């Protein structure tokens, strides 16, 4: 009989990857002015991980069945916060376990102008995917990763401008830091997870062209001259 965690996100190898991702999120938080941060995670077990959002006040929710729970209980497409409430939004593998269409709409609404969205997902081209299938052999829910370019197009349709795509973690699950071999540029696309960074552009006032006022001028129309006798002959 196989025993162990009740979620793939609670496995030690995955937890090591999640910690690396949160370290990257902490770096982005340090660049933001005062405000609030929203952290969405894929599993309740991830709440045990430390999230350092620096000076930003963090609100944390996680996937639980087909809804989000934690500091708030809500549907993924009906987040209970005001428009443009967050300077930083961290989405850590939530789209790997929940539908993301309505969620992206809500995130675009909640992100403040000039704010940053960090979108983490499993890399479908990594050997991690085969490892996850093997770990799920005892009936654990299997994540459904999508390509970074697919997520990028979805964010772009919601007026969230993608800034960069980075790859994180080792090429194969491990509980320590990645070896020097994994730092090779050739192996970067095989790493365990990707990070898509997007921003919400500030609204820019565009000066309007001055409206041209056309003035009508009266033109005196002279009557046609009567035909001459020569022309009538």
Protein backbone atom coordinates (compact mmCIF):
# COMPACT_ATOMS: atom_id res chain seq x y z
CA UNK A 1 0.00 0.00 0.00
CA UNK A 2 1.35 3.41 -0.96
CA UNK A 3 1.09 6.08 1.71
CA UNK A 4 2.04 9.73 1.64
CA UNK A 5 0.63 13.24 1.20
CA UNK A 6 -2.91 13.67 -0.06
CA UNK A 7 -1.80 16.22 -2.67
CA UNK A 8 1.03 16.32 -5.17
CA UNK A 9 1.76 19.88 -4.03
CA UNK A 10 2.66 18.55 -0.57
CA UNK A 11 5.45 16.28 -1.89
CA UNK A 12 8.91 17.43 -0.71
CA UNK A 13 10.22 17.85 -4.27
CA UNK A 14 7.28 20.07 -5.24
CA UNK A 15 7.52 22.04 -1.99
CA UNK A 16 11.16 22.82 -2.83
CA UNK A 17 10.03 24.19 -6.21
CA UNK A 18 7.27 26.25 -4.59
CA UNK A 19 9.77 27.82 -2.20
CA UNK A 20 11.97 28.88 -5.11
CA UNK A 21 8.95 30.50 -6.75
CA UNK A 22 8.02 32.42 -3.60
CA UNK A 23 11.58 33.72 -3.32
CA UNK A 24 11.16 35.22 -6.78
CA UNK A 25 7.83 36.73 -5.72
CA UNK A 26 9.56 38.35 -2.73
CA UNK A 27 11.99 40.10 -5.08
CA UNK A 28 9.11 41.61 -7.05
CA UNK A 29 7.32 42.67 -3.87
CA UNK A 30 10.33 44.73 -2.82
CA UNK A 31 9.99 46.87 -5.98
CA UNK A 32 6.36 47.80 -5.36
CA UNK A 33 5.14 50.83 -3.39
CA UNK A 34 2.97 50.41 -0.31
CA UNK A 35 -0.28 48.59 -0.84
CA UNK A 36 -1.73 45.09 -0.86
CA UNK A 37 -0.73 41.77 -2.38
CA UNK A 38 -2.92 38.83 -3.36
CA UNK A 39 -1.43 35.32 -3.24
CA UNK A 40 -3.37 32.45 -4.85
CA UNK A 41 -2.00 28.93 -4.33
CA UNK A 42 -2.98 25.51 -5.60
CA UNK A 43 -3.25 23.62 -2.33
CA UNK A 44 -4.09 24.17 1.34
CA UNK A 45 -0.75 22.59 2.25
CA UNK A 46 1.00 25.53 0.57
CA UNK A 47 -0.23 27.81 3.36
CA UNK A 48 2.53 26.37 5.53
CA UNK A 49 5.10 28.01 3.23
CA UNK A 50 6.36 31.45 4.21
CA UNK A 51 5.28 34.21 1.86
CA UNK A 52 7.43 37.33 2.26
CA UNK A 53 5.69 40.19 0.55
CA UNK A 54 7.83 42.75 2.41
CA UNK A 55 5.87 45.95 3.06
CA UNK A 56 2.79 44.78 1.15
CA UNK A 57 -0.12 43.48 3.21
CA UNK A 58 -0.81 39.98 1.86
CA UNK A 59 -4.17 38.24 1.39
CA UNK A 60 -3.87 34.48 0.78
CA UNK A 61 -6.33 32.04 -0.76
CA UNK A 62 -5.91 28.51 -2.12
CA UNK A 63 -7.76 26.10 -4.36
CA UNK A 64 -10.17 23.80 -2.55
CA UNK A 65 -12.28 21.69 -4.84
CA UNK A 66 -13.83 24.01 -7.41
CA UNK A 67 -13.54 27.15 -5.27
CA UNK A 68 -11.01 29.30 -3.44
CA UNK A 69 -10.69 29.29 0.36
CA UNK A 70 -8.44 30.80 3.01
CA UNK A 71 -8.67 34.48 3.90
CA UNK A 72 -11.81 34.53 1.73
CA UNK A 73 -14.15 31.87 0.36
CA UNK A 74 -15.30 32.51 -3.19
CA UNK A 75 -15.57 31.21 -6.73
CA UNK A 76 -12.53 31.70 -8.99
CA UNK A 77 -14.55 33.97 -11.27
CA UNK A 78 -16.05 36.11 -8.46
CA UNK A 79 -13.27 37.42 -6.23
CA UNK A 80 -14.68 39.63 -3.43
CA UNK A 81 -12.37 42.63 -3.64
CA UNK A 82 -12.67 46.08 -5.13
CA UNK A 83 -11.29 47.06 -8.52
CA UNK A 84 -7.53 47.75 -8.69
CA UNK A 85 -7.06 46.73 -5.04
CA UNK A 86 -3.67 44.96 -5.35
CA UNK A 87 -0.20 46.13 -6.34
CA UNK A 88 1.09 42.55 -6.64
CA UNK A 89 -0.79 39.36 -7.53
CA UNK A 90 0.93 35.97 -7.26
CA UNK A 91 -0.81 33.03 -8.96
CA UNK A 92 1.05 29.88 -7.94
CA UNK A 93 -0.16 26.89 -10.02
CA UNK A 94 -3.84 27.70 -9.46
CA UNK A 95 -4.44 27.50 -13.21
CA UNK A 96 -2.96 23.97 -13.13
CA UNK A 97 -5.90 22.78 -11.00
CA UNK A 98 -8.78 25.20 -11.75
CA UNK A 99 -10.25 26.71 -14.94
CA UNK A 100 -8.48 29.99 -15.64
CA UNK A 101 -10.78 31.91 -18.02
CA UNK A 102 -12.94 33.62 -15.42
CA UNK A 103 -10.02 33.86 -13.01
CA UNK A 104 -7.95 35.90 -15.47
CA UNK A 105 -10.85 38.31 -15.95
CA UNK A 106 -10.99 38.87 -12.20
CA UNK A 107 -7.23 39.29 -11.85
CA UNK A 108 -7.21 41.92 -14.59
CA UNK A 109 -9.91 43.77 -12.68
CA UNK A 110 -8.11 43.57 -9.32
CA UNK A 111 -4.61 44.55 -10.46
CA UNK A 112 -3.81 48.22 -9.93
CA UNK A 113 -2.33 50.27 -12.80
CA UNK A 114 1.44 49.85 -12.70
CA UNK A 115 1.05 46.65 -10.67
CA UNK A 116 2.64 43.27 -11.42
CA UNK A 117 1.10 39.84 -11.94
CA UNK A 118 3.29 36.76 -11.39
CA UNK A 119 1.85 33.66 -13.05
CA UNK A 120 3.53 30.36 -12.07
CA UNK A 121 2.75 27.07 -13.81
CA UNK A 122 4.23 23.65 -14.36
CA UNK A 123 6.25 23.45 -17.56
CA UNK A 124 4.53 20.90 -19.84
CA UNK A 125 7.83 20.29 -21.70
CA UNK A 126 9.74 19.34 -18.55
CA UNK A 127 10.49 15.79 -17.33
CA UNK A 128 8.57 16.88 -14.25
CA UNK A 129 5.35 16.02 -16.07
CA UNK A 130 6.27 12.33 -16.34
CA UNK A 131 7.29 12.36 -12.67
CA UNK A 132 3.96 13.90 -11.66
CA UNK A 133 2.05 11.21 -13.56
CA UNK A 134 4.08 8.55 -11.75
CA UNK A 135 3.40 10.14 -8.37
CA UNK A 136 -0.34 10.32 -9.13
CA UNK A 137 -0.57 6.57 -9.63
CA UNK A 138 -2.32 6.16 -6.24
CA UNK A 139 -5.25 8.32 -7.26
CA UNK A 140 -4.08 11.84 -6.44
CA UNK A 141 -5.50 14.66 -8.61
CA UNK A 142 -3.10 15.38 -11.45
CA UNK A 143 -2.37 19.00 -12.45
CA UNK A 144 -3.14 20.01 -16.01
CA UNK A 145 -0.33 22.36 -17.06
CA UNK A 146 -0.59 24.59 -20.10
CA UNK A 147 2.12 26.26 -22.14
CA UNK A 148 3.48 29.64 -21.10
CA UNK A 149 2.58 31.07 -24.51
CA UNK A 150 -1.03 29.98 -24.04
CA UNK A 151 -1.22 31.82 -20.72
CA UNK A 152 0.54 34.83 -22.27
CA UNK A 153 -2.11 35.16 -25.00
CA UNK A 154 -4.91 34.94 -22.45
CA UNK A 155 -3.39 37.67 -20.31
CA UNK A 156 -2.82 39.86 -23.34
CA UNK A 157 -6.49 39.63 -24.28
CA UNK A 158 -7.31 41.03 -20.82
CA UNK A 159 -5.08 44.11 -21.32
CA UNK A 160 -2.31 42.65 -19.14
CA UNK A 161 0.97 43.20 -20.95
CA UNK A 162 3.38 40.23 -20.63
CA UNK A 163 6.88 41.39 -19.70
CA UNK A 164 8.96 38.20 -19.59
CA UNK A 165 8.91 34.41 -19.33
CA UNK A 166 11.45 32.69 -17.05
CA UNK A 167 11.99 29.04 -16.16
CA UNK A 168 12.55 27.95 -12.56
CA UNK A 169 13.65 24.87 -10.66
CA UNK A 170 15.65 21.89 -11.79
CA UNK A 171 15.00 19.84 -14.90
CA UNK A 172 14.21 16.83 -12.72
CA UNK A 173 12.53 16.87 -9.28
CA UNK A 174 14.99 17.19 -6.42
CA UNK A 175 14.86 18.43 -2.86
CA UNK A 176 17.90 20.66 -2.97
CA UNK A 177 19.10 23.53 -5.10
CA UNK A 178 19.57 23.04 -8.81
CA UNK A 179 23.01 21.86 -9.89
CA UNK A 180 25.28 23.83 -12.18
CA UNK A 181 24.24 21.55 -15.05
CA UNK A 182 20.70 22.91 -14.91
CA UNK A 183 22.00 26.46 -15.37
CA UNK A 184 22.93 25.74 -18.98
CA UNK A 185 20.89 27.93 -21.33
CA UNK A 186 20.14 24.91 -23.52
CA UNK A 187 18.34 23.19 -20.64
CA UNK A 188 16.38 26.23 -19.43
CA UNK A 189 13.15 25.28 -21.32
CA UNK A 190 13.19 21.88 -19.53
CA UNK A 191 13.00 23.28 -16.01
CA UNK A 192 10.09 22.32 -13.78
CA UNK A 193 8.09 25.54 -13.83
CA UNK A 194 7.73 28.79 -15.72
CA UNK A 195 7.11 32.30 -14.48
CA UNK A 196 5.14 34.66 -16.68
CA UNK A 197 5.43 38.26 -15.52
CA UNK A 198 2.77 40.72 -16.68
CA UNK A 199 1.92 44.30 -15.84
CA UNK A 200 -1.12 46.51 -16.06
CA UNK A 201 -0.32 49.63 -18.01
CA UNK A 202 -1.28 53.01 -16.62
CA UNK A 203 -3.94 54.89 -18.51
CA UNK A 204 -2.30 57.65 -20.55
CA UNK A 205 -4.18 60.78 -21.55
CA UNK A 206 -3.89 61.33 -25.28
CA UNK A 207 -4.15 64.97 -26.36
CA UNK A 208 -6.93 65.48 -28.86
CA UNK A 209 -6.41 67.37 -32.05
CA UNK A 210 -8.01 70.83 -32.05
CA UNK A 211 -11.29 70.76 -33.84
CA UNK A 212 -11.28 72.70 -37.03
CA UNK A 213 -14.13 75.15 -37.36
CA UNK A 214 -15.10 75.66 -40.94
CA UNK A 215 -16.55 79.07 -41.70
CA UNK A 216 -18.85 79.50 -44.61
CA UNK A 217 -18.13 82.40 -46.88
CA UNK A 218 -20.76 83.88 -49.10
CA UNK A 219 -19.80 84.02 -52.73
CA UNK A 220 -21.60 86.54 -54.93
CA UNK A 221 -22.88 84.80 -57.99
CA UNK A 222 -23.22 87.07 -60.97
CA UNK A 223 -25.97 86.34 -63.51
CA UNK A 224 -24.82 84.86 -66.75
CA UNK A 225 -24.25 87.43 -69.54
CA UNK A 226 -26.90 87.49 -72.21
CA UNK A 227 -25.77 85.97 -75.52
CA UNK A 228 -24.48 88.40 -78.11
CA UNK A 229 -26.14 88.98 -81.44
CA UNK A 230 -23.25 87.25 -83.20
CA UNK A 231 -23.82 84.13 -81.08
CA UNK A 232 -27.52 84.18 -81.90
CA UNK A 233 -26.98 84.52 -85.63
